[in-house]
Amino acid sequence: MQLIEVEKAILPTRWGEFIIFGFEEKNNGKNHIALVHGKINSDIPILARVHSECLTGDAFFSLRCDCGIQLEMALRRITQEGIGVLIYHRQEGRNIGLLNKIKAYALQDTGLDTVEANQKLGFSADERDFSLCADIFNILKIKKVRLLTNNPLKVKMLIQSGIKIVQRVPLIAEKNSKNSYYLKTKANKMGHLLKK
């Protein structure tokens, strides 16, 4: 187990009431959270979203990506379902960090796509590691997952970490004039399943 549960509390939101769980990585103190709606039953597959941190999209409503829209869609779907979990995974900018993400944005402003910009900065297209999420699912006693994602790599990495994913549930946000190139790159270079 790479992390520990630190605390939990009630979190009312515009979509409904959640229990917010705080977790801390043992080796570096980095924090992650999970929002749980409804009563978890380990015998049934739970609707779940593993959402990677995106300050620009989630907090500042950036139109460059689909992150903030997907976050809202996932919270709405979970509350409509009546039970589910959203893991907010603190891996900003596909785990290159906020300042490097801003540098990648600047490179994208010159014509590079999101993958090319990360590579120009010396990173791979996606630096994320989803194995911590398996620990969170295990701490929450979630055995089977219906995963809200368009990313086959995320599915593969979670399965390799021991999570039983019984269904991939698409979570496709509408494109706009600012994120269409980004979404095209995600589909063509990163294999995201973005067709409705």
N, C-alpha and C. Protein backbone atom coordinates (compact mmCIF):
# COMPACT_ATOMS: atom_id res chain seq x y z
N MET A 1 0.85 -1.19 0.00
CA MET A 1 0.00 0.00 0.00
C MET A 1 0.89 1.24 0.00
N GLN A 2 0.71 2.09 -1.04
CA GLN A 2 1.56 3.27 -1.20
C GLN A 2 1.03 4.50 -0.48
N LEU A 3 -0.23 4.44 -0.02
CA LEU A 3 -0.78 5.62 0.65
C LEU A 3 -1.68 5.24 1.80
N ILE A 4 -2.01 6.26 2.60
CA ILE A 4 -2.87 6.05 3.76
C ILE A 4 -4.05 7.02 3.70
N GLU A 5 -5.16 6.59 4.28
CA GLU A 5 -6.32 7.48 4.42
C GLU A 5 -6.06 8.39 5.61
N VAL A 6 -6.25 9.69 5.41
CA VAL A 6 -5.97 10.67 6.46
C VAL A 6 -7.25 11.11 7.17
N GLU A 7 -8.28 11.46 6.39
CA GLU A 7 -9.52 11.97 6.99
C GLU A 7 -10.64 11.91 5.97
N LYS A 8 -11.87 12.00 6.46
CA LYS A 8 -13.04 12.08 5.57
C LYS A 8 -14.05 13.04 6.19
N ALA A 9 -14.88 13.62 5.31
CA ALA A 9 -15.87 14.60 5.76
C ALA A 9 -16.99 14.67 4.72
N ILE A 10 -18.10 15.27 5.10
CA ILE A 10 -19.22 15.48 4.18
C ILE A 10 -18.91 16.65 3.26
N LEU A 11 -19.18 16.48 1.96
CA LEU A 11 -18.97 17.53 0.97
C LEU A 11 -20.24 17.72 0.14
N PRO A 12 -21.07 18.72 0.48
CA PRO A 12 -22.24 19.00 -0.36
C PRO A 12 -21.79 19.72 -1.64
N THR A 13 -22.34 19.33 -2.78
CA THR A 13 -22.02 19.96 -4.06
C THR A 13 -23.30 20.29 -4.80
N ARG A 14 -23.18 20.99 -5.92
CA ARG A 14 -24.37 21.32 -6.71
C ARG A 14 -25.02 20.07 -7.31
N TRP A 15 -24.26 18.96 -7.38
CA TRP A 15 -24.81 17.72 -7.95
C TRP A 15 -25.39 16.81 -6.88
N GLY A 16 -24.97 16.99 -5.64
CA GLY A 16 -25.44 16.13 -4.57
C GLY A 16 -24.37 16.04 -3.48
N GLU A 17 -24.65 15.24 -2.48
CA GLU A 17 -23.75 15.13 -1.34
C GLU A 17 -22.76 13.98 -1.53
N PHE A 18 -21.52 14.26 -1.23
CA PHE A 18 -20.44 13.27 -1.31
C PHE A 18 -19.76 13.19 0.05
N ILE A 19 -19.06 12.10 0.27
CA ILE A 19 -18.07 12.02 1.34
C ILE A 19 -16.73 12.22 0.67
N ILE A 20 -15.95 13.19 1.15
CA ILE A 20 -14.62 13.44 0.60
C ILE A 20 -13.59 12.75 1.49
N PHE A 21 -12.77 11.90 0.88
CA PHE A 21 -11.71 11.19 1.58
C PHE A 21 -10.37 11.80 1.17
N GLY A 22 -9.51 12.06 2.14
CA GLY A 22 -8.17 12.56 1.86
C GLY A 22 -7.14 11.46 2.06
N PHE A 23 -6.24 11.32 1.10
CA PHE A 23 -5.19 10.30 1.15
C PHE A 23 -3.83 10.97 1.02
N GLU A 24 -2.83 10.33 1.59
CA GLU A 24 -1.46 10.85 1.52
C GLU A 24 -0.51 9.74 1.11
N GLU A 25 0.36 10.06 0.13
CA GLU A 25 1.39 9.10 -0.26
C GLU A 25 2.41 8.98 0.87
N LYS A 26 2.78 7.76 1.19
CA LYS A 26 3.70 7.51 2.31
C LYS A 26 5.10 8.05 2.05
N ASN A 27 5.56 7.97 0.80
CA ASN A 27 6.97 8.30 0.54
C ASN A 27 7.23 9.78 0.31
N ASN A 28 6.17 10.57 -0.06
CA ASN A 28 6.46 11.98 -0.37
C ASN A 28 5.41 12.96 0.17
N GLY A 29 4.36 12.47 0.82
CA GLY A 29 3.35 13.35 1.40
C GLY A 29 2.38 13.96 0.41
N LYS A 30 2.45 13.57 -0.87
CA LYS A 30 1.54 14.10 -1.88
C LYS A 30 0.11 13.65 -1.57
N ASN A 31 -0.85 14.54 -1.81
CA ASN A 31 -2.25 14.27 -1.46
C ASN A 31 -3.10 13.94 -2.67
N HIS A 32 -4.08 13.08 -2.47
CA HIS A 32 -5.09 12.73 -3.47
C HIS A 32 -6.42 12.65 -2.73
N ILE A 33 -7.52 12.76 -3.46
CA ILE A 33 -8.82 12.66 -2.80
C ILE A 33 -9.74 11.72 -3.58
N ALA A 34 -10.78 11.29 -2.89
CA ALA A 34 -11.86 10.54 -3.52
C ALA A 34 -13.17 11.12 -3.02
N LEU A 35 -14.11 11.27 -3.94
CA LEU A 35 -15.46 11.70 -3.60
C LEU A 35 -16.38 10.49 -3.77
N VAL A 36 -17.04 10.10 -2.70
CA VAL A 36 -17.91 8.93 -2.73
C VAL A 36 -19.35 9.38 -2.55
N HIS A 37 -20.21 8.94 -3.47
CA HIS A 37 -21.64 9.25 -3.38
C HIS A 37 -22.39 7.94 -3.18
N GLY A 38 -23.26 7.91 -2.18
CA GLY A 38 -24.03 6.70 -1.89
C GLY A 38 -23.23 5.70 -1.07
N LYS A 39 -23.85 4.57 -0.81
CA LYS A 39 -23.22 3.53 0.04
C LYS A 39 -22.55 2.51 -0.86
N ILE A 40 -21.26 2.35 -0.67
CA ILE A 40 -20.48 1.40 -1.47
C ILE A 40 -20.86 -0.02 -1.08
N ASN A 41 -21.14 -0.83 -2.10
CA ASN A 41 -21.40 -2.26 -1.91
C ASN A 41 -20.34 -2.99 -2.72
N SER A 42 -19.45 -3.69 -2.05
CA SER A 42 -18.32 -4.31 -2.74
C SER A 42 -18.74 -5.45 -3.66
N ASP A 43 -20.00 -5.88 -3.57
CA ASP A 43 -20.47 -6.98 -4.42
C ASP A 43 -20.91 -6.52 -5.81
N ILE A 44 -21.15 -5.22 -5.97
CA ILE A 44 -21.64 -4.75 -7.27
C ILE A 44 -20.60 -3.84 -7.93
N PRO A 45 -20.56 -3.81 -9.26
CA PRO A 45 -19.63 -2.90 -9.95
C PRO A 45 -20.03 -1.45 -9.70
N ILE A 46 -19.05 -0.63 -9.32
CA ILE A 46 -19.28 0.77 -8.96
C ILE A 46 -18.88 1.68 -10.12
N LEU A 47 -19.76 2.63 -10.45
CA LEU A 47 -19.43 3.64 -11.45
C LEU A 47 -18.33 4.52 -10.87
N ALA A 48 -17.23 4.65 -11.61
CA ALA A 48 -16.07 5.37 -11.07
C ALA A 48 -15.39 6.19 -12.16
N ARG A 49 -14.83 7.32 -11.73
CA ARG A 49 -14.02 8.16 -12.60
C ARG A 49 -12.68 8.38 -11.91
N VAL A 50 -11.59 8.13 -12.61
CA VAL A 50 -10.26 8.53 -12.16
C VAL A 50 -9.93 9.78 -12.94
N HIS A 51 -9.95 10.92 -12.26
CA HIS A 51 -9.79 12.22 -12.92
C HIS A 51 -8.44 12.81 -12.53
N SER A 52 -7.59 13.02 -13.53
CA SER A 52 -6.29 13.62 -13.26
C SER A 52 -6.42 15.12 -13.10
N GLU A 53 -5.74 15.64 -12.10
CA GLU A 53 -5.79 17.06 -11.79
C GLU A 53 -5.50 17.92 -13.02
N CYS A 54 -6.34 18.94 -13.20
CA CYS A 54 -6.14 19.93 -14.28
C CYS A 54 -6.62 21.27 -13.76
N LEU A 55 -5.73 22.00 -13.11
CA LEU A 55 -6.11 23.28 -12.50
C LEU A 55 -6.73 24.21 -13.53
N THR A 56 -6.13 24.30 -14.70
CA THR A 56 -6.63 25.25 -15.71
C THR A 56 -8.03 24.88 -16.19
N GLY A 57 -8.29 23.59 -16.37
CA GLY A 57 -9.60 23.17 -16.83
C GLY A 57 -10.63 23.05 -15.72
N ASP A 58 -10.21 22.49 -14.58
CA ASP A 58 -11.15 22.21 -13.49
C ASP A 58 -11.53 23.45 -12.71
N ALA A 59 -10.58 24.36 -12.49
CA ALA A 59 -10.84 25.53 -11.66
C ALA A 59 -11.04 26.81 -12.47
N PHE A 60 -10.33 26.93 -13.59
CA PHE A 60 -10.38 28.18 -14.37
C PHE A 60 -11.18 28.03 -15.67
N PHE A 61 -11.79 26.84 -15.87
CA PHE A 61 -12.72 26.61 -16.99
C PHE A 61 -12.07 26.81 -18.35
N SER A 62 -10.80 26.43 -18.47
CA SER A 62 -10.09 26.55 -19.75
C SER A 62 -10.82 25.80 -20.84
N LEU A 63 -10.86 26.40 -22.01
CA LEU A 63 -11.45 25.76 -23.18
C LEU A 63 -10.41 25.01 -24.00
N ARG A 64 -9.14 25.01 -23.56
CA ARG A 64 -8.07 24.32 -24.29
C ARG A 64 -8.20 22.81 -24.19
N CYS A 65 -8.90 22.32 -23.18
CA CYS A 65 -9.01 20.88 -22.95
C CYS A 65 -10.47 20.53 -22.68
N ASP A 66 -10.70 19.27 -22.36
CA ASP A 66 -12.06 18.82 -22.01
C ASP A 66 -12.14 18.40 -20.54
N CYS A 67 -11.11 18.71 -19.76
CA CYS A 67 -11.00 18.20 -18.38
C CYS A 67 -12.12 18.69 -17.46
N GLY A 68 -12.31 20.01 -17.40
CA GLY A 68 -13.34 20.55 -16.51
C GLY A 68 -14.72 20.06 -16.88
N ILE A 69 -14.99 19.97 -18.17
CA ILE A 69 -16.29 19.48 -18.63
C ILE A 69 -16.46 18.02 -18.22
N GLN A 70 -15.41 17.22 -18.39
CA GLN A 70 -15.49 15.81 -17.99
C GLN A 70 -15.68 15.66 -16.48
N LEU A 71 -15.03 16.52 -15.70
CA LEU A 71 -15.20 16.47 -14.25
C LEU A 71 -16.66 16.69 -13.87
N GLU A 72 -17.26 17.73 -14.44
CA GLU A 72 -18.67 18.00 -14.15
C GLU A 72 -19.57 16.87 -14.63
N MET A 73 -19.32 16.37 -15.84
CA MET A 73 -20.12 15.28 -16.38
C MET A 73 -20.05 14.05 -15.47
N ALA A 74 -18.84 13.74 -14.98
CA ALA A 74 -18.66 12.57 -14.14
C ALA A 74 -19.41 12.71 -12.81
N LEU A 75 -19.31 13.89 -12.18
CA LEU A 75 -20.01 14.10 -10.91
C LEU A 75 -21.52 14.00 -11.10
N ARG A 76 -22.01 14.54 -12.21
CA ARG A 76 -23.44 14.46 -12.51
C ARG A 76 -23.87 13.01 -12.73
N ARG A 77 -23.08 12.26 -13.52
CA ARG A 77 -23.42 10.85 -13.81
C ARG A 77 -23.42 10.02 -12.53
N ILE A 78 -22.45 10.26 -11.66
CA ILE A 78 -22.36 9.48 -10.42
C ILE A 78 -23.57 9.74 -9.53
N THR A 79 -23.98 11.00 -9.39
CA THR A 79 -25.13 11.28 -8.54
C THR A 79 -26.43 10.78 -9.17
N GLN A 80 -26.52 10.84 -10.50
CA GLN A 80 -27.71 10.29 -11.17
C GLN A 80 -27.79 8.78 -10.95
N GLU A 81 -26.63 8.14 -10.93
CA GLU A 81 -26.56 6.69 -10.70
C GLU A 81 -26.98 6.33 -9.28
N GLY A 82 -26.73 7.27 -8.34
CA GLY A 82 -27.08 7.03 -6.94
C GLY A 82 -25.94 6.47 -6.12
N ILE A 83 -24.90 6.00 -6.78
CA ILE A 83 -23.73 5.46 -6.09
C ILE A 83 -22.54 5.55 -7.04
N GLY A 84 -21.40 5.92 -6.49
CA GLY A 84 -20.21 5.98 -7.33
C GLY A 84 -19.08 6.71 -6.64
N VAL A 85 -17.94 6.77 -7.33
CA VAL A 85 -16.75 7.40 -6.76
C VAL A 85 -16.00 8.15 -7.84
N LEU A 86 -15.46 9.30 -7.46
CA LEU A 86 -14.54 10.04 -8.32
C LEU A 86 -13.23 10.18 -7.57
N ILE A 87 -12.16 9.63 -8.14
CA ILE A 87 -10.82 9.79 -7.59
C ILE A 87 -10.19 10.99 -8.28
N TYR A 88 -9.77 11.97 -7.48
CA TYR A 88 -9.08 13.15 -8.04
C TYR A 88 -7.60 12.92 -7.83
N HIS A 89 -6.94 12.54 -8.92
CA HIS A 89 -5.55 12.10 -8.90
C HIS A 89 -4.65 13.28 -9.18
N ARG A 90 -3.79 13.62 -8.25
CA ARG A 90 -2.97 14.84 -8.32
C ARG A 90 -1.76 14.63 -9.23
N GLN A 91 -2.00 14.62 -10.54
CA GLN A 91 -0.95 14.46 -11.54
C GLN A 91 -1.14 15.52 -12.62
N GLU A 92 -0.95 16.75 -12.23
CA GLU A 92 -1.19 17.91 -13.11
C GLU A 92 -0.44 17.79 -14.43
N GLY A 93 -1.13 18.10 -15.52
CA GLY A 93 -0.49 18.15 -16.84
C GLY A 93 0.06 16.81 -17.28
N ARG A 94 -0.72 15.73 -17.07
CA ARG A 94 -0.25 14.37 -17.33
C ARG A 94 1.03 14.07 -16.55
N ASN A 95 1.10 14.67 -15.38
CA ASN A 95 2.16 14.47 -14.39
C ASN A 95 3.48 15.16 -14.76
N ILE A 96 3.40 16.27 -15.49
CA ILE A 96 4.62 17.06 -15.72
C ILE A 96 4.65 18.30 -14.82
N GLY A 97 3.54 18.56 -14.11
CA GLY A 97 3.48 19.70 -13.19
C GLY A 97 2.89 20.93 -13.85
N LEU A 98 2.39 21.81 -13.01
CA LEU A 98 1.67 22.99 -13.49
C LEU A 98 2.55 23.92 -14.32
N LEU A 99 3.75 24.23 -13.83
CA LEU A 99 4.59 25.17 -14.58
C LEU A 99 5.05 24.59 -15.91
N ASN A 100 5.37 23.31 -15.92
CA ASN A 100 5.72 22.68 -17.20
C ASN A 100 4.51 22.62 -18.13
N LYS A 101 3.32 22.48 -17.56
CA LYS A 101 2.13 22.50 -18.41
C LYS A 101 1.96 23.86 -19.07
N ILE A 102 2.23 24.93 -18.33
CA ILE A 102 2.14 26.27 -18.91
C ILE A 102 3.20 26.43 -20.01
N LYS A 103 4.39 25.87 -19.78
CA LYS A 103 5.42 25.89 -20.83
C LYS A 103 4.94 25.11 -22.06
N ALA A 104 4.27 23.99 -21.83
CA ALA A 104 3.72 23.20 -22.95
C ALA A 104 2.64 23.99 -23.68
N TYR A 105 1.81 24.73 -22.94
CA TYR A 105 0.82 25.60 -23.58
C TYR A 105 1.50 26.61 -24.51
N ALA A 106 2.59 27.20 -24.01
CA ALA A 106 3.31 28.20 -24.83
C ALA A 106 3.82 27.57 -26.12
N LEU A 107 4.31 26.34 -26.03
CA LEU A 107 4.76 25.63 -27.24
C LEU A 107 3.59 25.31 -28.16
N GLN A 108 2.45 24.98 -27.57
CA GLN A 108 1.25 24.73 -28.39
C GLN A 108 0.81 26.01 -29.10
N ASP A 109 1.04 27.16 -28.46
CA ASP A 109 0.69 28.44 -29.09
C ASP A 109 1.51 28.69 -30.36
N THR A 110 2.67 28.00 -30.47
CA THR A 110 3.51 28.16 -31.67
C THR A 110 3.16 27.12 -32.74
N GLY A 111 2.22 26.21 -32.45
CA GLY A 111 1.79 25.24 -33.45
C GLY A 111 2.00 23.78 -33.10
N LEU A 112 2.74 23.49 -32.03
CA LEU A 112 2.92 22.09 -31.62
C LEU A 112 1.63 21.55 -31.02
N ASP A 113 1.42 20.23 -31.15
CA ASP A 113 0.28 19.64 -30.46
C ASP A 113 0.69 19.28 -29.04
N THR A 114 -0.24 18.78 -28.25
CA THR A 114 0.02 18.51 -26.84
C THR A 114 1.10 17.45 -26.63
N VAL A 115 1.14 16.44 -27.49
CA VAL A 115 2.17 15.40 -27.40
C VAL A 115 3.53 15.97 -27.76
N GLU A 116 3.61 16.68 -28.86
CA GLU A 116 4.87 17.27 -29.31
C GLU A 116 5.43 18.25 -28.28
N ALA A 117 4.53 19.03 -27.66
CA ALA A 117 4.97 20.00 -26.65
C ALA A 117 5.59 19.30 -25.45
N ASN A 118 4.95 18.25 -24.96
CA ASN A 118 5.51 17.50 -23.82
C ASN A 118 6.87 16.91 -24.18
N GLN A 119 6.97 16.35 -25.38
CA GLN A 119 8.23 15.75 -25.81
C GLN A 119 9.33 16.79 -25.97
N LYS A 120 8.99 17.96 -26.47
CA LYS A 120 9.97 19.04 -26.62
C LYS A 120 10.54 19.46 -25.26
N LEU A 121 9.72 19.32 -24.21
CA LEU A 121 10.17 19.64 -22.85
C LEU A 121 10.93 18.49 -22.19
N GLY A 122 11.06 17.37 -22.91
CA GLY A 122 11.82 16.24 -22.38
C GLY A 122 10.99 15.18 -21.68
N PHE A 123 9.67 15.26 -21.82
CA PHE A 123 8.77 14.29 -21.19
C PHE A 123 8.19 13.35 -22.25
N SER A 124 7.62 12.25 -21.79
CA SER A 124 6.85 11.41 -22.71
C SER A 124 5.48 12.06 -22.90
N ALA A 125 4.71 11.53 -23.82
CA ALA A 125 3.38 12.09 -24.09
C ALA A 125 2.51 12.06 -22.84
N ASP A 126 2.68 11.03 -22.01
CA ASP A 126 1.87 10.88 -20.80
C ASP A 126 2.74 10.28 -19.71
N GLU A 127 2.98 11.04 -18.66
CA GLU A 127 3.86 10.61 -17.56
C GLU A 127 3.08 10.03 -16.37
N ARG A 128 1.77 9.87 -16.52
CA ARG A 128 0.95 9.47 -15.37
C ARG A 128 1.17 8.01 -14.97
N ASP A 129 0.94 7.74 -13.68
CA ASP A 129 1.00 6.40 -13.11
C ASP A 129 -0.29 6.23 -12.30
N PHE A 130 -1.12 5.28 -12.72
CA PHE A 130 -2.42 5.11 -12.07
C PHE A 130 -2.42 4.05 -10.98
N SER A 131 -1.25 3.51 -10.62
CA SER A 131 -1.22 2.43 -9.64
C SER A 131 -1.71 2.88 -8.26
N LEU A 132 -1.52 4.16 -7.91
CA LEU A 132 -2.02 4.67 -6.62
C LEU A 132 -3.54 4.56 -6.52
N CYS A 133 -4.20 4.70 -7.66
CA CYS A 133 -5.67 4.64 -7.66
C CYS A 133 -6.15 3.26 -7.23
N ALA A 134 -5.37 2.23 -7.55
CA ALA A 134 -5.73 0.89 -7.10
C ALA A 134 -5.75 0.83 -5.57
N ASP A 135 -4.79 1.49 -4.93
CA ASP A 135 -4.78 1.55 -3.47
C ASP A 135 -6.05 2.23 -2.95
N ILE A 136 -6.46 3.32 -3.60
CA ILE A 136 -7.66 4.04 -3.16
C ILE A 136 -8.89 3.15 -3.31
N PHE A 137 -9.02 2.48 -4.45
CA PHE A 137 -10.16 1.56 -4.64
C PHE A 137 -10.15 0.48 -3.55
N ASN A 138 -8.98 -0.05 -3.23
CA ASN A 138 -8.89 -1.10 -2.21
C ASN A 138 -9.25 -0.57 -0.82
N ILE A 139 -8.77 0.63 -0.47
CA ILE A 139 -9.10 1.21 0.83
C ILE A 139 -10.61 1.44 0.94
N LEU A 140 -11.24 1.84 -0.17
CA LEU A 140 -12.69 2.09 -0.17
C LEU A 140 -13.50 0.80 -0.32
N LYS A 141 -12.80 -0.35 -0.44
CA LYS A 141 -13.42 -1.67 -0.57
C LYS A 141 -14.24 -1.78 -1.86
N ILE A 142 -13.73 -1.17 -2.91
CA ILE A 142 -14.37 -1.27 -4.23
C ILE A 142 -13.63 -2.35 -5.01
N LYS A 143 -14.35 -3.41 -5.35
CA LYS A 143 -13.73 -4.57 -6.00
C LYS A 143 -13.92 -4.57 -7.52
N LYS A 144 -15.08 -4.07 -7.97
CA LYS A 144 -15.38 -4.07 -9.41
C LYS A 144 -15.78 -2.66 -9.83
N VAL A 145 -15.30 -2.25 -11.01
CA VAL A 145 -15.47 -0.86 -11.44
C VAL A 145 -16.06 -0.80 -12.85
N ARG A 146 -17.00 0.11 -13.01
CA ARG A 146 -17.44 0.55 -14.34
C ARG A 146 -16.79 1.91 -14.54
N LEU A 147 -15.75 1.97 -15.35
CA LEU A 147 -14.87 3.13 -15.39
C LEU A 147 -15.30 4.15 -16.44
N LEU A 148 -15.54 5.38 -15.97
CA LEU A 148 -15.86 6.50 -16.86
C LEU A 148 -14.57 7.03 -17.47
N THR A 149 -14.28 6.64 -18.71
CA THR A 149 -13.05 7.08 -19.36
C THR A 149 -13.13 6.84 -20.87
N ASN A 150 -12.30 7.58 -21.58
CA ASN A 150 -12.11 7.36 -23.01
C ASN A 150 -10.71 6.85 -23.29
N ASN A 151 -9.92 6.62 -22.24
CA ASN A 151 -8.50 6.34 -22.34
C ASN A 151 -8.21 4.85 -22.11
N PRO A 152 -7.92 4.09 -23.18
CA PRO A 152 -7.64 2.66 -23.02
C PRO A 152 -6.39 2.38 -22.18
N LEU A 153 -5.40 3.29 -22.20
CA LEU A 153 -4.19 3.10 -21.40
C LEU A 153 -4.52 3.15 -19.90
N LYS A 154 -5.45 4.03 -19.52
CA LYS A 154 -5.87 4.11 -18.12
C LYS A 154 -6.52 2.79 -17.70
N VAL A 155 -7.37 2.24 -18.56
CA VAL A 155 -8.02 0.96 -18.29
C VAL A 155 -6.95 -0.12 -18.10
N LYS A 156 -6.00 -0.18 -19.03
CA LYS A 156 -4.95 -1.20 -18.99
C LYS A 156 -4.11 -1.08 -17.72
N MET A 157 -3.71 0.14 -17.36
CA MET A 157 -2.87 0.34 -16.18
C MET A 157 -3.61 -0.02 -14.89
N LEU A 158 -4.90 0.29 -14.81
CA LEU A 158 -5.66 -0.05 -13.61
C LEU A 158 -5.85 -1.56 -13.50
N ILE A 159 -6.10 -2.22 -14.63
CA ILE A 159 -6.23 -3.68 -14.61
C ILE A 159 -4.91 -4.31 -14.17
N GLN A 160 -3.78 -3.79 -14.69
CA GLN A 160 -2.47 -4.30 -14.28
C GLN A 160 -2.20 -4.08 -12.79
N SER A 161 -2.86 -3.06 -12.21
CA SER A 161 -2.70 -2.77 -10.78
C SER A 161 -3.65 -3.58 -9.91
N GLY A 162 -4.45 -4.44 -10.55
CA GLY A 162 -5.31 -5.35 -9.80
C GLY A 162 -6.77 -4.94 -9.68
N ILE A 163 -7.18 -3.90 -10.39
CA ILE A 163 -8.58 -3.47 -10.34
C ILE A 163 -9.37 -4.21 -11.41
N LYS A 164 -10.51 -4.76 -11.02
CA LYS A 164 -11.37 -5.47 -11.98
C LYS A 164 -12.30 -4.46 -12.64
N ILE A 165 -12.02 -4.14 -13.90
CA ILE A 165 -12.87 -3.22 -14.65
C ILE A 165 -13.82 -4.05 -15.50
N VAL A 166 -15.10 -3.96 -15.19
CA VAL A 166 -16.08 -4.79 -15.89
C VAL A 166 -16.68 -4.07 -17.10
N GLN A 167 -16.51 -2.74 -17.14
CA GLN A 167 -17.06 -1.96 -18.27
C GLN A 167 -16.33 -0.63 -18.38
N ARG A 168 -16.05 -0.22 -19.63
CA ARG A 168 -15.57 1.14 -19.88
C ARG A 168 -16.78 1.94 -20.31
N VAL A 169 -17.07 3.01 -19.57
CA VAL A 169 -18.22 3.87 -19.87
C VAL A 169 -17.69 5.15 -20.51
N PRO A 170 -18.07 5.44 -21.76
CA PRO A 170 -17.56 6.65 -22.43
C PRO A 170 -17.95 7.92 -21.67
N LEU A 171 -17.07 8.91 -21.75
CA LEU A 171 -17.31 10.22 -21.11
C LEU A 171 -16.84 11.29 -22.10
N ILE A 172 -17.65 11.53 -23.11
CA ILE A 172 -17.23 12.36 -24.23
C ILE A 172 -17.83 13.75 -24.12
N ALA A 173 -16.93 14.73 -24.00
CA ALA A 173 -17.34 16.14 -23.92
C ALA A 173 -17.44 16.72 -25.32
N GLU A 174 -18.28 17.72 -25.44
CA GLU A 174 -18.42 18.41 -26.73
C GLU A 174 -17.14 19.16 -27.05
N LYS A 175 -16.74 19.12 -28.32
CA LYS A 175 -15.56 19.89 -28.69
C LYS A 175 -15.96 21.32 -29.03
N ASN A 176 -14.98 22.21 -28.95
CA ASN A 176 -15.19 23.61 -29.31
C ASN A 176 -14.01 24.06 -30.18
N SER A 177 -14.04 25.29 -30.63
CA SER A 177 -12.99 25.77 -31.53
C SER A 177 -11.63 25.82 -30.87
N LYS A 178 -11.58 25.85 -29.53
CA LYS A 178 -10.31 25.96 -28.81
C LYS A 178 -9.70 24.60 -28.47
N ASN A 179 -10.53 23.55 -28.38
CA ASN A 179 -9.99 22.25 -27.97
C ASN A 179 -10.05 21.18 -29.06
N SER A 180 -10.53 21.52 -30.25
CA SER A 180 -10.71 20.50 -31.28
C SER A 180 -9.38 19.86 -31.70
N TYR A 181 -8.30 20.67 -31.81
CA TYR A 181 -6.99 20.13 -32.17
C TYR A 181 -6.45 19.23 -31.06
N TYR A 182 -6.67 19.65 -29.82
CA TYR A 182 -6.27 18.85 -28.65
C TYR A 182 -6.98 17.50 -28.65
N LEU A 183 -8.29 17.50 -28.88
CA LEU A 183 -9.06 16.26 -28.88
C LEU A 183 -8.64 15.35 -30.05
N LYS A 184 -8.37 15.96 -31.19
CA LYS A 184 -7.90 15.19 -32.35
C LYS A 184 -6.57 14.51 -32.03
N THR A 185 -5.68 15.23 -31.35
CA THR A 185 -4.38 14.66 -30.96
C THR A 185 -4.58 13.52 -29.96
N LYS A 186 -5.47 13.69 -29.01
CA LYS A 186 -5.74 12.63 -28.03
C LYS A 186 -6.22 11.36 -28.74
N ALA A 187 -7.07 11.54 -29.74
CA ALA A 187 -7.60 10.38 -30.47
C ALA A 187 -6.53 9.75 -31.36
N ASN A 188 -5.84 10.58 -32.14
CA ASN A 188 -4.92 10.06 -33.16
C ASN A 188 -3.57 9.61 -32.61
N LYS A 189 -3.06 10.29 -31.59
CA LYS A 189 -1.73 9.96 -31.08
C LYS A 189 -1.74 9.21 -29.75
N MET A 190 -2.83 9.32 -29.00
CA MET A 190 -2.87 8.69 -27.68
C MET A 190 -3.92 7.59 -27.58
N GLY A 191 -4.65 7.37 -28.66
CA GLY A 191 -5.60 6.27 -28.71
C GLY A 191 -6.89 6.47 -27.94
N HIS A 192 -7.21 7.70 -27.54
CA HIS A 192 -8.46 7.91 -26.81
C HIS A 192 -9.66 7.65 -27.72
N LEU A 193 -10.66 7.04 -27.15
CA LEU A 193 -11.86 6.63 -27.90
C LEU A 193 -12.89 7.75 -27.79
N LEU A 194 -12.87 8.66 -28.76
CA LEU A 194 -13.67 9.87 -28.65
C LEU A 194 -14.86 9.94 -29.61
N LYS A 195 -15.11 8.87 -30.34
CA LYS A 195 -16.27 8.90 -31.24
C LYS A 195 -17.50 8.50 -30.47
N LYS A 196 -18.60 9.23 -30.72
CA LYS A 196 -19.86 8.93 -30.02
C LYS A 196 -20.52 7.73 -30.65
